[in-house]
Protein backbone atom coordinates (compact mmCIF):
# COMPACT_ATOMS: atom_id res chain seq x y z
CA MET A 1 11.69 45.38 -11.55
CA ASN A 2 14.77 43.32 -10.81
CA THR A 3 16.98 44.69 -8.07
CA SER A 4 19.79 43.50 -5.90
CA ILE A 5 19.03 45.75 -2.94
CA LYS A 6 18.38 43.65 0.18
CA GLY A 7 17.05 44.62 3.58
CA ILE A 8 16.84 48.40 3.27
CA SER A 9 16.72 50.34 6.54
CA PRO A 10 14.19 53.20 6.78
CA THR A 11 17.02 55.76 6.85
CA LYS A 12 18.63 54.36 3.72
CA ALA A 13 15.21 54.11 2.06
CA ILE A 14 14.66 57.83 2.73
CA LEU A 15 18.03 58.65 1.16
CA LEU A 16 17.23 56.47 -1.87
CA CYS A 17 13.85 58.15 -2.24
CA ILE A 18 15.35 61.66 -1.97
CA ASN A 19 17.95 60.72 -4.57
CA SER A 20 15.18 59.47 -6.88
CA ILE A 21 13.17 62.67 -6.60
CA ILE A 22 15.95 65.24 -6.77
CA GLY A 23 17.11 65.12 -10.35
CA ALA A 24 17.80 67.41 -13.24
CA GLY A 25 14.55 69.30 -12.67
CA LEU A 26 16.05 71.12 -9.71
CA PHE A 27 18.92 72.44 -11.86
CA ILE A 28 17.13 73.12 -15.15
CA ASN A 29 13.95 74.65 -13.69
CA PRO A 30 15.26 78.03 -12.43
CA SER A 31 15.16 79.64 -15.89
CA SER A 32 11.67 78.38 -16.77
CA LEU A 33 10.23 79.19 -13.35
CA THR A 34 11.68 82.71 -13.53
CA ARG A 35 10.37 83.21 -17.07
CA ILE A 36 6.85 82.25 -15.95
CA ALA A 37 6.56 83.38 -12.33
CA GLY A 38 9.43 85.83 -11.91
CA PRO A 39 10.73 86.16 -8.34
CA TYR A 40 8.06 83.81 -7.03
CA GLY A 41 8.94 80.70 -8.95
CA PHE A 42 9.62 79.06 -5.60
CA LEU A 43 5.88 79.25 -4.86
CA GLY A 44 5.40 76.75 -7.69
CA TYR A 45 7.10 74.13 -5.52
CA MET A 46 5.04 75.01 -2.45
CA LEU A 47 1.74 75.03 -4.32
CA GLY A 48 2.75 71.91 -6.26
CA ALA A 49 3.51 70.15 -2.99
CA LEU A 50 0.05 71.00 -1.63
CA LEU A 51 -1.56 69.68 -4.81
CA ILE A 52 0.24 66.35 -4.92
CA LEU A 53 0.23 65.73 -1.15
CA PRO A 54 -3.20 64.01 -1.26
CA ILE A 55 -1.90 61.84 -4.13
CA ILE A 56 1.14 60.90 -2.07
CA LEU A 57 -1.03 60.09 0.97
CA CYS A 58 -3.08 57.69 -1.16
CA ILE A 59 -0.10 55.96 -2.75
CA ALA A 60 1.78 55.80 0.56
CA GLU A 61 -1.22 54.10 2.18
CA LEU A 62 -1.45 51.59 -0.67
CA ALA A 63 2.28 50.93 -0.30
CA LYS A 64 1.76 50.30 3.40
CA ILE A 65 -1.04 47.81 2.71
CA HIS A 66 0.83 46.16 -0.17
CA PRO A 67 4.58 46.32 0.56
CA VAL A 68 5.40 44.29 -2.54
CA ALA A 69 7.43 44.67 -5.71
CA GLY A 70 5.50 46.25 -8.55
CA GLY A 71 4.15 49.44 -7.00
CA LEU A 72 1.54 51.30 -9.04
CA TYR A 73 0.84 48.33 -11.32
CA VAL A 74 -0.01 46.09 -8.37
CA TYR A 75 -2.25 48.66 -6.65
CA SER A 76 -4.25 49.42 -9.79
CA LYS A 77 -4.61 45.79 -10.80
CA THR A 78 -5.60 44.67 -7.29
CA TYR A 79 -8.44 47.13 -6.72
CA ILE A 80 -9.66 47.92 -10.24
CA GLY A 81 -8.55 45.24 -12.70
CA ARG A 82 -6.02 44.16 -15.30
CA TRP A 83 -6.75 47.01 -17.71
CA ALA A 84 -6.24 49.56 -14.96
CA GLY A 85 -2.96 47.89 -14.07
CA PHE A 86 -1.82 48.10 -17.69
CA LEU A 87 -2.85 51.75 -18.17
CA SER A 88 -1.15 52.77 -14.95
CA ALA A 89 2.09 50.98 -15.82
CA TRP A 90 2.10 52.06 -19.48
CA ALA A 91 1.44 55.73 -18.66
CA TYR A 92 4.16 55.63 -16.03
CA PHE A 93 6.60 54.00 -18.45
CA VAL A 94 5.91 56.64 -21.13
CA GLY A 95 6.23 59.49 -18.63
CA LYS A 96 9.57 58.26 -17.32
CA THR A 97 10.84 57.69 -20.87
CA VAL A 98 10.05 61.33 -21.66
CA SER A 99 11.96 62.32 -18.51
CA ALA A 100 14.95 60.25 -19.61
CA ALA A 101 14.86 61.84 -23.06
CA LEU A 102 14.83 65.32 -21.54
CA LEU A 103 17.77 64.50 -19.26
CA MET A 104 19.86 63.26 -22.15
CA HIS A 105 19.01 66.25 -24.32
CA LYS A 106 20.08 68.68 -21.58
CA PHE A 107 23.41 66.88 -21.35
CA VAL A 108 23.78 66.96 -25.15
CA GLN A 109 23.25 70.73 -25.13
CA PHE A 110 26.02 71.05 -22.54
CA PHE A 111 28.28 68.64 -24.44
CA GLN A 112 27.74 70.19 -27.89
CA ALA A 113 28.45 73.73 -26.67
CA ARG A 114 31.89 72.64 -25.50
CA VAL A 115 33.00 70.41 -28.38
CA TYR A 116 33.86 72.65 -31.31
CA PHE A 117 33.55 70.12 -34.14
CA LEU A 118 30.03 69.14 -32.96
CA GLN A 119 28.57 72.64 -32.98
CA ASP A 120 27.37 72.36 -36.58
CA THR A 121 25.99 68.83 -36.06
CA PRO A 122 22.18 68.56 -35.74
CA VAL A 123 21.42 68.19 -32.04
CA LEU A 124 18.94 65.34 -32.67
CA LEU A 125 21.71 63.33 -34.33
CA ILE A 126 23.88 63.72 -31.23
CA ASP A 127 20.88 62.83 -29.02
CA ILE A 128 20.40 59.62 -30.98
CA GLY A 129 24.08 58.72 -30.87
CA ILE A 130 24.44 59.20 -27.11
CA ILE A 131 21.15 57.45 -26.27
CA LEU A 132 22.23 54.44 -28.33
CA PHE A 133 25.71 54.55 -26.77
CA PHE A 134 24.35 54.32 -23.23
CA THR A 135 21.79 51.72 -24.30
CA LEU A 136 24.54 49.49 -25.69
CA LEU A 137 26.60 50.08 -22.54
CA ASN A 138 23.75 48.75 -20.43
CA ILE A 139 23.14 45.80 -22.71
CA GLY A 140 26.85 45.03 -22.36
CA GLY A 141 26.49 44.81 -18.60
CA VAL A 142 27.42 48.30 -17.41
CA SER A 143 25.00 49.57 -14.79
CA ILE A 144 24.78 52.22 -12.10
CA GLY A 145 24.60 50.69 -8.67
CA GLY A 146 26.43 50.28 -5.41
CA ASN A 147 29.13 52.84 -4.74
CA ILE A 148 28.61 54.53 -8.13
CA THR A 149 25.15 55.58 -6.94
CA TYR A 150 26.70 57.36 -3.96
CA PHE A 151 29.24 58.98 -6.29
CA PHE A 152 26.53 60.48 -8.49
CA SER A 153 24.58 61.50 -5.37
CA ALA A 154 27.64 63.41 -4.17
CA LEU A 155 27.93 65.10 -7.58
CA LYS A 156 24.32 66.18 -7.26
CA ALA A 157 24.66 67.43 -3.68
CA SER A 158 27.76 69.57 -4.31
CA PRO A 159 26.09 72.28 -6.51
CA VAL A 160 23.09 72.38 -4.15
CA LEU A 161 25.24 72.98 -1.08
CA ALA A 162 27.38 75.48 -3.01
CA THR A 163 24.25 77.40 -4.04
CA PHE A 164 23.07 77.60 -0.44
CA ALA A 165 26.52 78.83 0.67
CA ILE A 166 26.70 81.46 -2.10
CA GLY A 167 23.21 82.64 -1.21
CA PHE A 168 24.24 83.17 2.39
CA PHE A 169 26.72 85.84 1.26
CA LEU A 170 25.18 87.29 -1.93
CA PHE A 171 21.40 87.03 -1.46
CA ASP A 172 19.68 90.29 -2.42
CA SER A 173 16.09 90.75 -1.24
CA LYS A 174 15.63 93.62 -3.72
CA ASN A 175 15.27 91.01 -6.47
CA PHE A 176 11.84 90.15 -5.01
CA GLN A 177 10.21 93.58 -5.32
CA GLU A 178 8.16 92.83 -8.44
CA VAL A 179 4.65 91.47 -7.95
CA VAL A 180 3.37 88.64 -10.16
CA SER A 181 -0.14 87.25 -10.58
CA PHE A 182 -1.39 84.05 -8.98
CA GLN A 183 -2.19 82.85 -12.49
CA ASP A 184 1.49 83.04 -13.41
CA VAL A 185 2.39 80.97 -10.35
CA CYS A 186 -0.25 78.39 -11.34
CA SER A 187 1.20 78.26 -14.85
CA SER A 188 4.52 77.15 -13.35
CA LEU A 189 2.95 74.12 -11.64
CA PRO A 190 3.73 71.44 -14.27
CA ILE A 191 7.38 72.49 -14.28
CA ALA A 192 7.55 72.49 -10.49
CA VAL A 193 5.68 69.20 -10.15
CA PHE A 194 8.07 67.60 -12.65
CA ALA A 195 10.84 68.15 -10.08
CA LEU A 196 8.76 66.73 -7.21
CA LEU A 197 7.87 63.37 -8.75
CA GLY A 198 9.85 60.22 -8.13
CA PHE A 199 8.58 59.30 -4.65
CA GLU A 200 6.78 56.32 -6.20
CA VAL A 201 10.08 54.62 -7.09
CA ILE A 202 10.42 53.31 -3.53
CA CYS A 203 7.04 51.57 -3.91
CA SER A 204 8.60 49.22 -6.47
CA ILE A 205 10.95 47.82 -3.84
CA GLY A 206 8.62 48.17 -0.86
CA ASN A 207 9.02 44.50 0.00
CA GLN A 208 12.69 45.08 0.82
CA ILE A 209 12.27 47.84 3.42
CA HIS A 210 12.63 46.71 7.02
CA ASP A 211 9.17 46.37 8.59
CA ALA A 212 7.65 47.95 5.49
CA LYS A 213 4.11 47.97 6.84
CA ASN A 214 5.16 50.39 9.57
CA ASN A 215 7.95 52.24 7.77
CA ILE A 216 7.23 52.72 4.05
CA LYS A 217 4.59 55.42 4.50
CA ARG A 218 6.90 57.37 6.80
CA VAL A 219 9.74 56.94 4.30
CA ILE A 220 7.68 58.36 1.43
CA LEU A 221 6.30 61.34 3.36
CA THR A 222 9.59 62.24 5.07
CA SER A 223 11.59 62.17 1.84
CA PHE A 224 8.92 64.17 0.00
CA PHE A 225 8.87 67.01 2.55
CA ILE A 226 12.67 67.16 2.59
CA VAL A 227 12.75 67.46 -1.21
CA VAL A 228 10.07 70.17 -1.22
CA ALA A 229 12.13 72.16 1.28
CA ILE A 230 15.34 71.74 -0.75
CA ASN A 231 13.70 72.72 -4.05
CA THR A 232 11.93 75.74 -2.55
CA ILE A 233 15.06 77.06 -0.86
CA PHE A 234 17.19 76.39 -3.95
CA GLN A 235 14.88 78.37 -6.27
CA THR A 236 14.59 81.21 -3.74
CA VAL A 237 18.35 81.44 -3.21
CA ILE A 238 19.40 81.23 -6.86
CA PHE A 239 16.94 83.96 -7.86
CA GLY A 240 17.98 86.02 -4.85
CA VAL A 241 21.54 85.98 -6.16
CA VAL A 242 21.12 86.02 -9.94
CA GLY A 243 17.75 87.77 -10.36
CA TYR A 244 16.21 88.12 -13.80
CA ASP A 245 19.44 87.08 -15.49
CA LEU A 246 18.07 83.57 -14.94
CA ILE A 247 15.54 84.07 -17.74
CA GLU A 248 18.13 83.68 -20.49
CA ALA A 249 20.36 81.28 -18.53
CA GLN A 250 20.64 77.96 -20.34
CA GLU A 251 22.88 76.76 -17.50
CA PRO A 252 21.72 78.49 -14.28
CA ILE A 253 24.46 77.07 -12.03
CA LEU A 254 27.11 78.41 -14.40
CA VAL A 255 25.59 81.90 -14.25
CA LEU A 256 25.45 81.66 -10.46
CA GLY A 257 29.06 80.49 -10.23
CA LEU A 258 30.37 83.18 -12.57
CA LYS A 259 28.57 85.87 -10.58
CA ALA A 260 29.87 84.59 -7.26
CA PHE A 261 33.41 83.88 -8.47
CA ALA A 262 33.92 86.43 -11.25
CA SER A 263 37.68 86.44 -10.72
CA ILE A 264 37.90 82.63 -10.56
CA PRO A 265 35.63 81.51 -13.43
CA TRP A 266 36.77 77.90 -13.32
CA ILE A 267 34.84 77.39 -10.06
CA GLY A 268 31.57 78.20 -11.82
CA SER A 269 32.52 75.87 -14.67
CA LEU A 270 33.36 73.12 -12.18
CA LEU A 271 30.02 73.43 -10.38
CA ASN A 272 28.21 73.42 -13.70
CA GLY A 273 30.16 70.37 -14.83
CA LEU A 274 29.13 68.54 -11.66
CA VAL A 275 25.49 69.30 -12.44
CA PHE A 276 25.67 67.81 -15.91
CA ALA A 277 27.71 64.84 -14.73
CA SER A 278 24.91 64.07 -12.26
CA ILE A 279 22.37 64.49 -15.08
CA VAL A 280 24.17 61.78 -17.05
CA GLY A 281 23.97 59.53 -14.01
CA GLY A 282 20.27 60.31 -13.65
CA PHE A 283 19.61 59.52 -17.30
CA PHE A 284 21.47 56.23 -17.18
CA SER A 285 19.81 55.17 -13.93
CA LEU A 286 16.36 56.02 -15.31
CA LEU A 287 17.03 54.34 -18.64
CA THR A 288 18.17 51.10 -17.03
CA SER A 289 15.38 50.95 -14.43
CA ASN A 290 12.41 52.14 -16.48
CA CYS A 291 12.77 49.37 -19.09
CA TRP A 292 11.72 46.93 -16.36
CA ASN A 293 8.30 48.62 -16.33
CA LEU A 294 7.82 47.63 -19.97
CA HIS A 295 9.15 44.18 -19.11
CA THR A 296 6.52 43.90 -16.34
CA ILE A 297 3.71 44.92 -18.70
CA ALA A 298 4.77 42.30 -21.25
CA ASN A 299 5.41 39.64 -18.63
CA ASN A 300 1.82 40.02 -17.42
CA ASN A 301 0.54 39.31 -20.95
CA HIS A 302 -0.59 42.85 -21.71
CA LEU A 303 1.35 43.15 -24.98
CA PRO A 304 1.83 40.85 -27.97
CA GLY A 305 5.17 39.09 -28.20
CA LYS A 306 5.67 38.36 -24.52
CA LEU A 307 8.53 35.93 -25.11
CA PHE A 308 10.35 38.50 -27.25
CA LEU A 309 9.73 41.57 -25.08
CA THR A 310 10.81 39.81 -21.89
CA LYS A 311 14.09 38.48 -23.30
CA CYS A 312 17.05 39.08 -21.00
CA ASN A 313 20.68 38.58 -21.92
CA ARG A 314 23.34 36.91 -19.79
CA ASN A 315 23.77 40.19 -17.88
CA ASN A 316 20.08 40.02 -16.87
CA VAL A 317 19.25 43.07 -18.98
CA PRO A 318 15.83 43.07 -20.72
CA TRP A 319 17.53 44.20 -23.89
CA VAL A 320 14.46 44.19 -26.15
CA SER A 321 12.47 46.34 -23.72
CA LEU A 322 15.53 48.59 -23.33
CA LEU A 323 15.85 49.05 -27.09
CA ILE A 324 12.15 49.89 -27.36
CA GLU A 325 12.52 52.42 -24.55
CA ALA A 326 15.50 54.01 -26.31
CA SER A 327 13.53 54.14 -29.59
CA ILE A 328 10.62 55.88 -27.85
CA ALA A 329 13.02 58.39 -26.27
CA ILE A 330 14.42 59.17 -29.73
CA PHE A 331 10.90 59.51 -31.14
CA ILE A 332 10.00 61.93 -28.33
CA LEU A 333 13.02 64.11 -29.10
CA SER A 334 12.13 64.07 -32.80
CA ILE A 335 8.81 65.68 -31.78
CA THR A 336 10.41 68.43 -29.71
CA THR A 337 13.59 69.19 -27.80
CA ASN A 338 12.00 72.10 -25.94
CA GLN A 339 12.25 71.66 -22.18
CA VAL A 340 8.80 72.90 -21.16
CA PRO A 341 6.71 70.71 -23.54
CA LEU A 342 8.82 67.70 -22.59
CA GLN A 343 8.23 68.35 -18.89
CA ASN A 344 4.51 68.75 -19.52
CA MET A 345 4.38 65.49 -21.49
CA SER A 346 6.11 63.71 -18.63
CA VAL A 347 3.75 65.19 -16.05
CA VAL A 348 0.63 64.38 -18.10
CA SER A 349 1.64 60.73 -18.44
CA GLN A 350 2.57 60.31 -14.79
CA ILE A 351 -0.61 62.05 -13.61
CA VAL A 352 -2.61 59.52 -15.66
CA SER A 353 -0.80 56.75 -13.81
CA PHE A 354 -1.30 58.41 -10.42
CA SER A 355 -5.00 59.04 -11.15
CA ILE A 356 -5.58 55.33 -11.65
CA ALA A 357 -3.70 54.58 -8.43
CA VAL A 358 -5.85 57.17 -6.63
CA PHE A 359 -8.98 55.44 -7.91
CA ALA A 360 -7.49 52.24 -6.50
CA ALA A 361 -7.07 54.00 -3.16
CA PHE A 362 -10.71 55.12 -3.31
CA TYR A 363 -11.81 51.50 -3.81
CA ALA A 364 -9.50 50.43 -0.98
CA VAL A 365 -11.12 52.94 1.36
CA THR A 366 -14.69 52.06 0.42
CA SER A 367 -13.94 48.33 0.73
CA LYS A 368 -12.40 48.91 4.19
CA ALA A 369 -9.02 47.63 3.00
CA ALA A 370 -7.45 51.01 3.76
CA GLN A 371 -9.02 51.81 7.12
CA GLU A 372 -6.42 54.43 8.10
CA LEU A 373 -6.95 56.53 4.95
CA PRO A 374 -9.86 58.99 5.26
CA LEU A 375 -12.23 59.20 2.30
CA TRP A 376 -11.38 62.86 1.74
CA ALA A 377 -7.80 61.93 0.77
CA PRO A 378 -8.62 60.10 -2.51
CA LEU A 379 -11.34 62.63 -3.31
CA LEU A 380 -8.91 65.54 -2.92
CA ALA A 381 -6.28 63.57 -4.79
CA LEU A 382 -8.65 63.11 -7.74
CA LEU A 383 -9.28 66.85 -7.82
CA SER A 384 -5.52 67.47 -7.76
CA CYS A 385 -5.00 65.01 -10.60
CA CYS A 386 -7.70 66.67 -12.69
CA PHE A 387 -6.25 70.13 -12.07
CA LEU A 388 -2.68 69.13 -12.89
CA PHE A 389 -3.79 67.11 -15.90
CA GLY A 390 -5.78 70.08 -17.16
CA ILE A 391 -2.87 72.53 -16.87
CA ALA A 392 -0.20 70.20 -18.24
CA GLY A 393 -2.53 68.79 -20.92
CA TYR A 394 -3.43 72.26 -22.11
CA LYS A 395 0.22 73.20 -22.39
CA VAL A 396 0.97 70.01 -24.34
CA ALA A 397 -1.94 70.72 -26.67
CA THR A 398 -0.92 74.33 -27.29
CA SER A 399 2.76 73.48 -27.83
CA GLY A 400 2.02 71.67 -31.09
CA VAL A 401 3.18 68.24 -29.93
CA SER A 402 -0.12 66.75 -28.81
CA ILE A 403 -0.97 64.61 -31.86
CA PRO A 404 2.27 62.59 -32.12
CA PHE A 405 2.34 62.25 -28.32
CA ILE A 406 -1.24 60.95 -28.25
CA VAL A 407 -0.40 58.56 -31.11
CA LEU A 408 2.54 57.23 -29.09
CA PHE A 409 0.40 56.68 -26.01
CA PHE A 410 -2.44 54.96 -27.87
CA VAL A 411 -0.11 52.68 -29.86
CA GLY A 412 0.56 50.90 -26.58
CA CYS A 413 -3.14 50.83 -25.72
CA ILE A 414 -4.02 49.39 -29.14
CA ALA A 415 -1.30 46.75 -28.81
CA ALA A 416 -2.73 45.80 -25.41
CA ALA A 417 -6.25 45.58 -26.86
CA VAL A 418 -4.96 43.29 -29.64
CA GLN A 419 -3.24 41.08 -27.07
CA HIS A 420 -6.42 40.95 -24.97
CA ARG A 421 -8.44 39.89 -28.01
CA ILE A 422 -5.90 37.20 -28.90
CA ALA A 423 -5.92 35.86 -25.33
CA SER A 424 -9.73 35.90 -25.23
CA SER A 425 -10.01 33.98 -28.50
CA LYS A 426 -7.68 31.28 -27.15
CA ASN A 427 -9.85 30.91 -24.06
């Protein structure tokens, strides 16, 4: 991935990592978590954190050993082989593309509800139009970086801090009287985990962190625990104020704001607007960064048409890879625009990528390359991956979107197999 960030201090790296993890999931999850786990949706974050902690320990250790650009692709390729590197990078690319598609669709829902002449327009048509608009913006040289990143971070932080402040005054413990089953809490895991992923982004620029060998593991773990705390408190507070009204809330922050400021409704609308403005920033940032994962796959001769797929324009934008990413996002939304299946698709893909990286960590431990990582860490991480893959995979399968999603995933694998055969025949 091409980046202009130079010499990142550990403190700044932690802030960057937190900003990468905290995204739209925090703001769009309250309704789904309440629908599934009632008052105890916050336990989904705590249990999800326990499940993915072994995965994070493995990837953080690999990042410490290999503080280089490339992240998951490099780890998998180094310890397992080229095919593992491809599968890890391709699954990660698909998962992040699904995330980007979901972010844009949530913004479109917000946008369409407030623009009268668009309310009869098919939502998929608006999705396509806005995805293409931002794609063309990026190809034209517009990107999110520098001070704009801090601006969108501030937009994101404002509703979170406001929620905590409102909760201090209006929290009602009576909302937590109902008892739910542990099975319901487990069912919320893919949704909760969706909002806890993103720590791996810092691995892609590990070579730029000051004294990365000593700092990058601490950066990943510190930022992860901070995010878990924020997400858990946020879900607890918003349910403590709003209660079961969250179930039907398409825009949870708006419902919270209107309840807290019933006589000043514009405050709730403002907080809600800040949420969706930050979602746009998150979508654009993800769109413009994730295309470099496809560029990396092609540049390492995993896909046919390397010279075409790696083309960059004068603005150093891999425009072909970006257009393919946008096309996949549109395809995903043509399958479903339902939040929960989209989150499960994203989790399934990213867990595939993490599973391969965990296998890489296992090989690193057994080969004595990762001497500070105990063997139980990759073994527990593999169990966590299997459990999360099973839950999320089951939900994808039962949502009616499994076949086109599997076709999408294996199209890339088939293309890679064709490229491998072509390269082998030349040798």
